[in-house]
N, C-alpha and C. Protein backbone atom coordinates (compact mmCIF):
# COMPACT_ATOMS: atom_id res chain seq x y z
N MET A 1 -2.86 -5.75 -19.13
CA MET A 1 -2.48 -6.50 -17.94
C MET A 1 -1.89 -7.83 -18.38
N ASN A 2 -0.83 -8.24 -17.79
CA ASN A 2 -0.20 -9.51 -18.13
C ASN A 2 -0.85 -10.65 -17.38
N GLY A 3 -1.08 -11.75 -18.08
CA GLY A 3 -1.62 -12.93 -17.43
C GLY A 3 -3.12 -12.86 -17.24
N SER A 4 -3.65 -14.00 -16.82
CA SER A 4 -5.09 -14.12 -16.59
C SER A 4 -5.42 -13.77 -15.15
N LEU A 5 -6.63 -13.28 -14.97
CA LEU A 5 -7.15 -13.04 -13.63
C LEU A 5 -7.55 -14.40 -13.06
N VAL A 6 -6.98 -14.77 -11.93
CA VAL A 6 -7.21 -16.10 -11.37
C VAL A 6 -7.98 -15.99 -10.06
N GLY A 7 -9.04 -16.76 -9.94
CA GLY A 7 -9.76 -16.87 -8.68
C GLY A 7 -10.68 -15.72 -8.35
N ARG A 8 -10.97 -14.86 -9.29
CA ARG A 8 -11.84 -13.71 -9.01
C ARG A 8 -12.95 -13.57 -10.05
N ALA A 9 -13.28 -14.65 -10.74
CA ALA A 9 -14.32 -14.59 -11.77
C ALA A 9 -15.66 -14.17 -11.19
N THR A 10 -16.01 -14.68 -10.03
CA THR A 10 -17.30 -14.34 -9.42
C THR A 10 -17.35 -12.85 -9.08
N GLU A 11 -16.30 -12.35 -8.46
CA GLU A 11 -16.26 -10.94 -8.08
C GLU A 11 -16.29 -10.04 -9.31
N LEU A 12 -15.52 -10.41 -10.35
CA LEU A 12 -15.50 -9.61 -11.56
C LEU A 12 -16.87 -9.61 -12.23
N SER A 13 -17.54 -10.75 -12.27
CA SER A 13 -18.85 -10.78 -12.91
C SER A 13 -19.86 -9.93 -12.15
N ARG A 14 -19.75 -9.86 -10.84
CA ARG A 14 -20.63 -8.97 -10.06
C ARG A 14 -20.39 -7.52 -10.43
N LEU A 15 -19.13 -7.15 -10.56
CA LEU A 15 -18.80 -5.78 -10.92
C LEU A 15 -19.23 -5.46 -12.35
N VAL A 16 -19.10 -6.42 -13.24
CA VAL A 16 -19.54 -6.21 -14.63
C VAL A 16 -21.05 -6.01 -14.68
N ARG A 17 -21.79 -6.66 -13.80
CA ARG A 17 -23.24 -6.44 -13.75
C ARG A 17 -23.56 -4.99 -13.37
N VAL A 18 -22.73 -4.39 -12.53
CA VAL A 18 -22.91 -2.97 -12.20
C VAL A 18 -22.71 -2.13 -13.46
N LEU A 19 -21.72 -2.47 -14.27
CA LEU A 19 -21.52 -1.77 -15.55
C LEU A 19 -22.72 -1.93 -16.46
N GLU A 20 -23.24 -3.15 -16.54
CA GLU A 20 -24.39 -3.41 -17.40
C GLU A 20 -25.60 -2.62 -16.94
N ALA A 21 -25.80 -2.53 -15.63
CA ALA A 21 -26.91 -1.74 -15.10
C ALA A 21 -26.73 -0.27 -15.45
N ALA A 22 -25.50 0.23 -15.34
CA ALA A 22 -25.22 1.63 -15.68
C ALA A 22 -25.50 1.89 -17.16
N ALA A 23 -25.11 0.96 -18.01
CA ALA A 23 -25.35 1.10 -19.44
C ALA A 23 -26.85 1.13 -19.74
N ALA A 24 -27.64 0.47 -18.89
CA ALA A 24 -29.09 0.44 -19.06
C ALA A 24 -29.76 1.65 -18.40
N GLY A 25 -28.97 2.53 -17.78
CA GLY A 25 -29.50 3.74 -17.19
C GLY A 25 -29.79 3.67 -15.70
N THR A 26 -29.37 2.60 -15.05
CA THR A 26 -29.58 2.45 -13.61
C THR A 26 -28.33 2.88 -12.86
N ALA A 27 -28.51 3.84 -11.95
CA ALA A 27 -27.38 4.29 -11.14
C ALA A 27 -27.00 3.22 -10.13
N GLY A 28 -25.75 3.17 -9.77
CA GLY A 28 -25.31 2.19 -8.78
C GLY A 28 -23.91 2.51 -8.31
N VAL A 29 -23.48 1.74 -7.36
CA VAL A 29 -22.14 1.89 -6.82
C VAL A 29 -21.65 0.52 -6.38
N ALA A 30 -20.36 0.32 -6.44
CA ALA A 30 -19.75 -0.92 -5.95
C ALA A 30 -18.57 -0.54 -5.08
N LEU A 31 -18.43 -1.21 -3.98
CA LEU A 31 -17.31 -0.98 -3.08
C LEU A 31 -16.44 -2.23 -3.08
N VAL A 32 -15.16 -2.05 -3.35
CA VAL A 32 -14.21 -3.15 -3.33
C VAL A 32 -13.31 -2.93 -2.12
N GLY A 33 -13.34 -3.85 -1.19
CA GLY A 33 -12.55 -3.71 0.02
C GLY A 33 -11.93 -5.02 0.43
N GLY A 34 -11.00 -4.96 1.34
CA GLY A 34 -10.37 -6.16 1.86
C GLY A 34 -8.95 -5.87 2.31
N ASP A 35 -8.35 -6.90 2.85
CA ASP A 35 -6.99 -6.78 3.36
C ASP A 35 -6.00 -6.52 2.23
N ALA A 36 -4.87 -5.97 2.61
CA ALA A 36 -3.79 -5.72 1.65
C ALA A 36 -3.35 -7.02 1.00
N GLY A 37 -3.13 -6.96 -0.29
CA GLY A 37 -2.56 -8.09 -1.01
C GLY A 37 -3.54 -9.13 -1.51
N ILE A 38 -4.86 -8.88 -1.39
CA ILE A 38 -5.81 -9.90 -1.84
C ILE A 38 -6.23 -9.74 -3.29
N GLY A 39 -5.77 -8.67 -3.94
CA GLY A 39 -6.05 -8.51 -5.37
C GLY A 39 -7.06 -7.44 -5.73
N LYS A 40 -7.29 -6.48 -4.84
CA LYS A 40 -8.26 -5.42 -5.14
C LYS A 40 -7.83 -4.60 -6.36
N THR A 41 -6.57 -4.24 -6.41
CA THR A 41 -6.08 -3.43 -7.52
C THR A 41 -6.19 -4.20 -8.83
N ARG A 42 -5.82 -5.46 -8.81
CA ARG A 42 -5.89 -6.27 -10.03
C ARG A 42 -7.34 -6.42 -10.49
N LEU A 43 -8.24 -6.66 -9.55
CA LEU A 43 -9.66 -6.80 -9.88
C LEU A 43 -10.21 -5.53 -10.49
N THR A 44 -9.91 -4.40 -9.88
CA THR A 44 -10.43 -3.14 -10.42
C THR A 44 -9.74 -2.76 -11.73
N THR A 45 -8.50 -3.16 -11.92
CA THR A 45 -7.82 -2.93 -13.20
C THR A 45 -8.54 -3.67 -14.31
N GLU A 46 -8.95 -4.90 -14.04
CA GLU A 46 -9.72 -5.68 -15.02
C GLU A 46 -11.07 -5.02 -15.31
N LEU A 47 -11.71 -4.51 -14.27
CA LEU A 47 -13.00 -3.85 -14.44
C LEU A 47 -12.85 -2.58 -15.27
N VAL A 48 -11.82 -1.80 -15.01
CA VAL A 48 -11.56 -0.59 -15.78
C VAL A 48 -11.38 -0.93 -17.26
N ALA A 49 -10.62 -1.97 -17.55
CA ALA A 49 -10.41 -2.38 -18.94
C ALA A 49 -11.74 -2.76 -19.59
N GLU A 50 -12.56 -3.49 -18.87
CA GLU A 50 -13.88 -3.89 -19.40
C GLU A 50 -14.75 -2.66 -19.63
N ALA A 51 -14.75 -1.74 -18.70
CA ALA A 51 -15.56 -0.53 -18.83
C ALA A 51 -15.12 0.29 -20.05
N ARG A 52 -13.82 0.44 -20.22
CA ARG A 52 -13.32 1.21 -21.37
C ARG A 52 -13.68 0.53 -22.68
N GLU A 53 -13.60 -0.80 -22.71
CA GLU A 53 -13.99 -1.53 -23.92
C GLU A 53 -15.46 -1.30 -24.26
N ARG A 54 -16.27 -1.09 -23.25
CA ARG A 54 -17.70 -0.86 -23.45
C ARG A 54 -18.03 0.61 -23.69
N GLY A 55 -17.01 1.45 -23.75
CA GLY A 55 -17.21 2.86 -24.06
C GLY A 55 -17.47 3.77 -22.88
N PHE A 56 -17.26 3.28 -21.68
CA PHE A 56 -17.42 4.11 -20.49
C PHE A 56 -16.23 5.05 -20.34
N ARG A 57 -16.48 6.21 -19.81
CA ARG A 57 -15.41 7.11 -19.38
C ARG A 57 -15.06 6.69 -17.96
N VAL A 58 -13.80 6.46 -17.69
CA VAL A 58 -13.37 5.93 -16.39
C VAL A 58 -12.53 6.97 -15.66
N LEU A 59 -12.92 7.26 -14.43
CA LEU A 59 -12.14 8.13 -13.55
C LEU A 59 -11.51 7.26 -12.48
N VAL A 60 -10.25 7.51 -12.16
CA VAL A 60 -9.54 6.67 -11.20
C VAL A 60 -9.06 7.54 -10.05
N GLY A 61 -9.26 7.06 -8.83
CA GLY A 61 -8.79 7.75 -7.65
C GLY A 61 -8.03 6.77 -6.77
N GLN A 62 -7.64 7.24 -5.62
CA GLN A 62 -6.89 6.38 -4.70
C GLN A 62 -7.26 6.78 -3.28
N CYS A 63 -7.34 5.78 -2.42
CA CYS A 63 -7.64 6.03 -1.02
C CYS A 63 -6.43 6.65 -0.33
N ALA A 64 -6.71 7.54 0.60
CA ALA A 64 -5.64 8.08 1.43
C ALA A 64 -5.31 7.05 2.50
N GLU A 65 -4.07 6.85 2.77
CA GLU A 65 -3.64 5.91 3.81
C GLU A 65 -3.76 6.59 5.15
N LEU A 66 -4.79 6.24 5.90
CA LEU A 66 -5.05 6.88 7.18
C LEU A 66 -4.80 5.97 8.36
N GLY A 67 -4.33 4.78 8.12
CA GLY A 67 -4.12 3.83 9.20
C GLY A 67 -5.45 3.41 9.80
N ASP A 68 -5.57 3.45 11.11
CA ASP A 68 -6.81 3.06 11.77
C ASP A 68 -7.79 4.20 11.93
N THR A 69 -7.44 5.39 11.52
CA THR A 69 -8.27 6.57 11.68
C THR A 69 -9.22 6.72 10.50
N LEU A 70 -10.46 6.99 10.79
CA LEU A 70 -11.42 7.28 9.71
C LEU A 70 -11.80 8.74 9.75
């Protein structure tokens, strides 16, 4: 990824704690949500890089665009 992650250190550290818990054998889940354009993809890209560096196998998916319908 080019450049530094700006303004999301707190969020990234929370997600990294989920990785650390997983490495210690504790199951968990994290949900990243928010309005378009706030940096969800960039944040999760950084998390994926961290996870891979720590030896995790990473699976990547994508949400279906459903508009207002759930």
